[in-house]
Protein backbone atom coordinates (compact mmCIF):
# COMPACT_ATOMS: atom_id res chain seq x y z
CA MET A 1 106.69 87.48 95.08
CA LYS A 2 110.20 85.49 95.01
CA ASN A 3 111.60 84.10 98.28
CA PRO A 4 115.07 85.94 98.50
CA PHE A 5 115.70 83.25 101.10
CA LEU A 6 116.29 80.82 98.76
CA GLU A 7 118.62 82.56 96.15
CA GLY A 8 122.35 83.60 96.75
CA SER A 9 124.65 82.34 99.81
CA GLN A 10 121.86 83.10 102.05
CA ALA A 11 120.20 79.72 100.98
CA PHE A 12 123.05 78.09 102.59
CA MET A 13 122.66 79.82 105.90
CA PRO A 14 120.46 78.15 108.76
CA PHE A 15 117.21 79.98 109.44
CA TYR A 16 118.30 80.49 113.17
CA LEU A 17 121.49 82.08 112.16
CA ARG A 18 119.45 84.69 110.36
CA ILE A 19 117.32 85.25 112.93
CA MET A 20 120.64 85.67 115.32
CA ILE A 21 122.29 88.10 112.97
CA GLY A 22 119.44 90.18 112.44
CA VAL A 23 118.57 90.57 116.47
CA SER A 24 122.54 91.22 116.80
CA VAL A 25 122.55 93.89 114.29
CA TRP A 26 119.61 95.32 115.83
CA PHE A 27 121.02 95.23 119.16
CA ILE A 28 124.20 96.72 118.05
CA SER A 29 122.67 99.43 116.32
CA TYR A 30 120.59 100.53 119.16
CA GLY A 31 122.81 100.85 121.27
CA VAL A 32 125.86 102.32 119.84
CA ILE A 33 123.89 104.96 118.13
CA SER A 34 121.64 105.70 121.24
CA PHE A 35 124.55 105.86 123.57
CA LEU A 36 126.17 108.55 120.66
CA GLY A 37 122.75 110.26 121.09
CA LEU A 38 122.92 110.28 124.69
CA TRP A 39 126.70 111.79 124.79
CA ILE A 40 125.46 114.83 122.06
CA ALA A 41 122.84 115.47 124.48
CA THR A 42 125.02 115.83 127.40
CA LEU A 43 127.13 118.46 125.30
CA ILE A 44 123.78 120.01 124.26
CA THR A 45 122.72 120.90 127.81
CA GLY A 46 125.80 120.41 129.97
CA THR A 47 124.08 117.94 132.54
CA ASP A 48 125.11 114.53 133.62
CA ILE A 49 124.22 111.27 131.56
CA ASN A 50 122.02 110.15 134.42
CA SER A 51 120.18 112.91 134.52
CA PHE A 52 118.09 111.84 131.07
CA SER A 53 115.42 109.77 133.10
CA LEU A 54 111.93 109.79 132.86
CA GLU A 55 112.00 110.99 136.73
CA ASN A 56 113.91 114.08 135.89
CA PHE A 57 112.15 116.25 132.98
CA GLU A 58 109.96 117.94 135.33
CA GLY A 59 110.94 121.51 136.40
CA LYS A 60 113.97 121.50 133.38
CA GLY A 61 114.18 124.12 130.99
CA PRO A 62 114.32 124.32 127.17
CA ALA A 63 117.64 123.11 126.79
CA PHE A 64 117.02 120.05 128.83
CA ALA A 65 113.71 119.33 126.44
CA LEU A 66 116.32 119.60 123.19
CA GLY A 67 118.63 116.99 124.96
CA LEU A 68 115.58 114.51 125.15
CA LYS A 69 114.75 115.19 121.22
CA THR A 70 118.49 114.77 120.28
CA ILE A 71 118.23 111.38 122.53
CA GLN A 72 114.46 110.71 120.70
CA LEU A 73 116.02 111.31 117.08
CA PHE A 74 119.42 109.12 117.62
CA SER A 75 116.90 106.22 119.13
CA ASP A 76 114.73 106.37 116.14
CA LEU A 77 117.81 106.30 113.91
CA GLY A 78 119.43 103.16 115.92
CA LEU A 79 116.02 101.19 116.65
CA PHE A 80 114.70 101.50 113.17
CA VAL A 81 116.38 103.71 110.48
CA VAL A 82 119.70 101.64 110.16
CA PRO A 83 118.41 98.30 111.05
CA GLY A 84 115.41 98.70 108.58
CA LEU A 85 118.02 99.70 105.59
CA LEU A 86 120.78 96.92 106.37
CA LEU A 87 119.06 94.03 107.65
CA PRO A 88 117.49 93.52 103.76
CA VAL A 89 121.30 93.74 102.78
CA ILE A 90 122.34 91.36 105.44
CA LEU A 91 119.67 88.74 105.17
CA PHE A 92 118.02 88.94 101.87
CA GLN A 93 121.08 90.14 99.73
CA THR A 94 118.99 92.63 98.24
CA ASN A 95 118.89 96.70 97.78
CA PRO A 96 116.25 97.88 100.54
CA VAL A 97 115.21 100.42 97.94
CA ALA A 98 114.16 97.95 95.80
CA PHE A 99 113.26 95.66 98.36
CA MET A 100 110.65 98.03 99.95
CA GLY A 101 109.48 99.74 96.63
CA MET A 102 111.04 103.49 97.28
CA LYS A 103 111.54 103.90 93.56
CA LYS A 104 107.88 102.84 92.46
CA ARG A 105 106.19 105.47 90.07
CA THR A 106 102.93 106.36 92.64
CA SER A 107 100.30 109.13 91.33
CA LEU A 108 99.97 112.15 92.98
CA ALA A 109 96.05 111.13 93.30
CA VAL A 110 97.17 108.12 95.20
CA PHE A 111 98.93 110.22 97.70
CA ILE A 112 96.21 112.45 98.19
CA LEU A 113 93.99 109.47 98.82
CA ALA A 114 96.47 108.80 101.31
CA ILE A 115 96.30 111.88 103.22
CA CYS A 116 92.66 111.52 102.65
CA LEU A 117 92.89 107.92 104.42
CA ALA A 118 94.81 109.36 107.44
CA LEU A 119 92.06 111.89 107.75
CA GLY A 120 88.95 109.13 107.69
CA VAL A 121 90.37 107.20 110.30
CA GLN A 122 90.47 109.33 113.07
CA PRO A 123 86.88 109.11 113.91
CA LEU A 124 87.61 105.57 114.37
CA VAL A 125 91.07 105.81 116.21
CA THR A 126 88.95 108.17 118.63
CA LEU A 127 86.71 105.43 119.15
CA THR A 128 89.05 102.42 119.92
CA ALA A 129 91.13 105.14 122.21
CA TYR A 130 88.03 105.18 123.90
CA PHE A 131 87.15 101.85 124.72
CA ASN A 132 90.95 101.21 125.30
CA GLU A 133 90.99 103.81 128.26
CA HIS A 134 88.08 101.99 129.48
CA LEU A 135 89.45 98.48 129.30
CA VAL A 136 90.29 96.47 132.62
CA LEU A 137 92.49 93.21 132.44
CA PRO A 138 91.25 90.55 134.57
CA HIS A 139 91.74 90.43 138.45
CA PHE A 140 94.97 88.13 138.24
CA LEU A 141 96.61 90.53 135.82
CA ALA A 142 96.23 93.62 138.07
CA GLY A 143 99.78 93.70 139.15
CA ILE A 144 100.48 94.16 135.59
CA GLU A 145 97.84 96.81 134.54
CA GLN A 146 99.36 98.88 137.38
CA LYS A 147 102.69 99.02 135.99
CA MET A 148 101.31 99.86 132.27
CA LYS A 149 99.16 102.75 134.08
CA ALA A 150 102.36 103.89 136.19
CA MET A 151 104.87 103.70 132.60
CA GLU A 152 101.66 105.42 130.87
CA ILE A 153 101.49 108.47 133.22
CA LYS A 154 105.02 108.91 132.86
CA ASN A 155 104.88 108.64 128.87
CA GLU A 156 102.22 111.41 129.28
CA GLY A 157 104.49 113.66 131.44
CA LEU A 158 107.41 112.95 129.16
CA MET A 159 105.24 113.86 126.17
CA LYS A 160 103.92 117.09 127.36
CA SER A 161 107.67 118.38 127.79
CA PHE A 162 108.25 117.64 124.36
CA LEU A 163 105.05 119.68 123.45
CA GLN A 164 106.01 122.62 125.21
CA MET A 165 106.15 125.08 122.30
CA HIS A 166 107.10 128.44 122.52
CA GLY A 167 107.18 129.73 119.12
CA LEU A 168 107.48 128.47 115.51
CA GLY A 169 111.09 127.31 115.80
CA ASP A 170 109.74 124.93 118.37
CA PHE A 171 107.23 123.67 116.24
CA LEU A 172 109.29 123.07 113.40
CA ILE A 173 111.76 120.65 115.48
CA ASN A 174 108.72 119.02 117.05
CA THR A 175 107.45 118.44 113.14
CA LEU A 176 110.59 116.89 112.68
CA ILE A 177 111.27 114.82 116.00
CA ILE A 178 107.40 113.66 116.36
CA ALA A 179 106.25 113.67 112.85
CA VAL A 180 108.64 113.25 110.26
CA LEU A 181 111.57 111.21 111.95
CA PRO A 182 108.57 108.48 113.62
CA ALA A 183 106.96 108.19 110.48
CA VAL A 184 109.83 107.54 108.05
CA ALA A 185 111.43 105.34 110.57
CA GLU A 186 108.70 103.28 111.50
CA GLU A 187 107.67 102.35 108.28
CA LEU A 188 111.06 101.72 106.95
CA PHE A 189 111.29 98.97 109.77
CA PHE A 190 107.78 98.03 110.28
CA ARG A 191 106.04 97.85 106.96
CA GLY A 192 109.10 97.99 104.57
CA LEU A 193 111.16 95.17 106.59
CA LEU A 194 109.18 93.23 109.12
CA GLN A 195 105.69 92.91 107.45
CA LYS A 196 107.69 92.26 104.10
CA ALA A 197 109.73 90.02 105.66
CA LEU A 198 106.42 88.26 106.96
CA GLN A 199 104.24 88.44 103.63
CA ILE A 200 107.64 86.32 102.12
CA GLY A 201 107.97 83.84 104.87
CA LEU A 202 104.37 83.38 105.66
CA LYS A 203 102.94 83.50 102.14
CA ARG A 204 99.97 84.76 104.11
CA ASN A 205 99.48 88.64 103.53
CA HIS A 206 96.80 89.37 105.88
CA LEU A 207 98.23 87.60 108.82
CA ALA A 208 101.73 89.61 108.09
CA ILE A 209 100.16 92.48 108.15
CA ILE A 210 98.03 91.54 111.56
CA ILE A 211 101.45 90.74 113.27
CA THR A 212 103.18 93.63 112.21
CA ALA A 213 100.33 95.95 113.47
CA PHE A 214 100.47 94.53 117.05
CA VAL A 215 104.41 94.13 116.96
CA PHE A 216 104.11 97.69 115.87
CA SER A 217 101.60 98.86 118.77
CA PHE A 218 103.15 96.69 121.10
CA ILE A 219 106.52 98.17 121.08
CA HIS A 220 105.48 101.49 121.95
CA LEU A 221 104.59 100.32 125.49
CA GLU A 222 101.50 102.46 125.72
CA PHE A 223 98.58 100.72 127.74
CA TYR A 224 95.95 103.37 126.83
CA GLY A 225 96.95 103.55 122.79
CA PHE A 226 97.24 100.10 121.92
CA LEU A 227 93.91 99.89 120.31
CA PRO A 228 94.02 102.94 118.05
CA ARG A 229 97.89 102.29 117.14
CA PHE A 230 96.77 98.93 116.11
CA LEU A 231 93.97 100.43 113.87
CA LEU A 232 96.84 102.45 112.54
CA GLY A 233 98.55 99.92 112.12
CA LEU A 234 96.32 97.57 110.00
CA LEU A 235 95.51 100.74 107.64
CA LEU A 236 99.64 101.28 106.87
CA GLY A 237 99.75 97.86 106.22
CA TYR A 238 96.56 97.33 104.00
CA ALA A 239 98.02 100.63 102.27
CA TYR A 240 101.75 99.28 101.43
CA LEU A 241 100.25 95.90 100.52
CA TRP A 242 97.97 97.48 98.14
CA SER A 243 100.41 100.10 96.71
CA GLY A 244 103.71 98.23 96.77
CA ASP A 245 105.35 101.74 97.50
CA ILE A 246 106.88 102.54 101.25
CA LYS A 247 106.62 106.10 100.61
CA VAL A 248 102.18 105.44 100.81
CA PRO A 249 102.56 104.36 104.38
CA ILE A 250 104.94 107.23 105.26
CA LEU A 251 102.85 110.13 103.89
CA ILE A 252 100.08 108.30 106.39
CA HIS A 253 101.86 107.61 109.37
CA PHE A 254 103.05 111.63 108.83
CA ALA A 255 99.98 112.85 108.37
CA ASN A 256 98.67 111.30 111.75
CA ASN A 257 101.31 112.62 113.50
CA PHE A 258 101.10 116.08 112.13
CA MET A 259 97.59 116.75 112.53
CA ASP A 260 98.04 115.86 116.51
CA LEU A 261 101.15 118.10 116.60
CA CYS A 262 99.00 121.13 114.88
CA LEU A 263 95.91 120.48 117.15
CA SER A 264 98.40 120.83 120.16
CA TYR A 265 99.93 123.73 118.57
CA TYR A 266 97.29 125.97 117.84
CA SER A 267 95.00 124.80 120.86
CA GLY A 268 98.37 126.03 123.02
CA SER A 269 97.73 122.88 125.02
CA THR A 270 100.33 120.10 126.30
CA GLU A 271 97.81 117.09 125.31
CA THR A 272 97.81 115.37 121.78
CA GLY A 273 95.10 115.35 119.49
CA SER A 274 94.27 111.41 120.68
CA GLY A 275 92.85 113.05 124.33
CA ILE A 276 89.88 110.72 125.16
CA GLN A 277 86.81 111.98 126.27
CA ASN A 278 84.84 111.06 129.24
CA SER A 279 81.63 110.00 127.56
CA PHE A 280 80.57 108.98 124.39
CA GLY A 281 77.43 109.68 123.43
CA TRP A 282 74.64 108.40 120.37
CA MET A 283 76.06 111.27 118.37
CA GLN A 284 79.76 110.14 118.72
CA VAL A 285 78.57 106.78 117.66
CA LEU A 286 76.67 107.92 114.68
CA PHE A 287 79.45 109.84 113.24
CA CYS A 288 81.87 106.92 113.77
CA VAL A 289 79.33 104.79 111.87
CA VAL A 290 78.92 107.67 108.95
CA SER A 291 82.85 107.96 109.20
CA LEU A 292 83.40 104.08 108.62
CA PHE A 293 81.48 104.06 105.62
CA VAL A 294 83.55 107.08 104.40
CA LEU A 295 86.62 105.36 105.16
CA ALA A 296 85.53 102.39 103.38
CA TYR A 297 84.57 104.47 100.05
CA LEU A 298 88.27 105.97 100.17
CA VAL A 299 89.81 102.26 100.44
CA TYR A 300 87.57 101.37 97.47
CA ILE A 301 88.88 104.36 95.51
CA PHE A 302 92.41 103.91 96.86
CA LYS A 303 92.62 100.55 95.45
CA MET A 304 90.82 101.06 92.32
CA LYS A 305 93.23 104.13 91.48
CA ILE A 306 96.38 101.85 92.32
CA LYS A 307 95.27 99.33 89.92
CA GLN A 308 94.67 101.83 87.10
CA GLN A 309 98.19 103.42 87.93
CA ASP A 310 99.77 99.78 87.61
CA SER A 311 98.19 98.95 84.57
CA ILE A 312 99.26 102.04 82.96
CA ILE A 313 103.11 101.50 84.07
CA SER A 314 102.07 97.99 83.17
CA TYR A 315 101.33 99.00 79.32
CA GLU A 316 103.86 101.59 78.83
CA GLY A 317 106.62 98.88 79.99
CA ASN A 318 105.20 96.17 77.56
């Protein structure tokens, strides 16, 4: 993998200056586009800007929920999509499409296996979520734990307002806001930009994937969802490393979110599919062990299919 830091005019730019430019672009993009979304949300709902907060969503009507979804849409655009597309140009002087492998030819079989991976990892996600919920921080971190739990309660209330669907129209809107947009936005930024930059800078692929998965999980600020989201981040990172095509982790991320959304919609519940059981018996443990072997087999087939595909592309190129 060639190092874009050592090519073009950026080779004469100090490392700290590249970091400062990247952080500045990130904050400016998030601030400007988020404020635009907030302004549009006030036009839609006819409410004051200060009304949109985690404390004010209860008891509001569908228009207010639509305003929150509008804010979420623009926040994802400003926080992930725009920086993810701009920073490769600013820092690396390269086309983000080529940098992230968006145009790579990937077979239908690889995409189907990617969806199978999203299904196969679900039992392990549930298991890690169970352990995460029963995780207790040391006594000297009790204050931080209480703040995290309080924030978790507010986030759960906000998610309930998001998942109140009264028909197919609400389901389609939530599919865009909860399944499609986060999958595209977060994968462009975390896997397409951050992981790729760490791979180039650290020259250690596994470490780059672990760091990216940690940041990916931490930035969601969900105490009870850290471990399962970290596990998902590892799967997404390796799927991108092996395939070299950003569309593959986007599809896995979408499939994971869409399954939770469908479960919520068809069950008529405001809880997502990641709800945790109060107990975890031997049958569940056995099921998770079996699913681990199934997931390992799917990963093996996934890697073999990609190698076969790359060999065919290389042969056709020659």
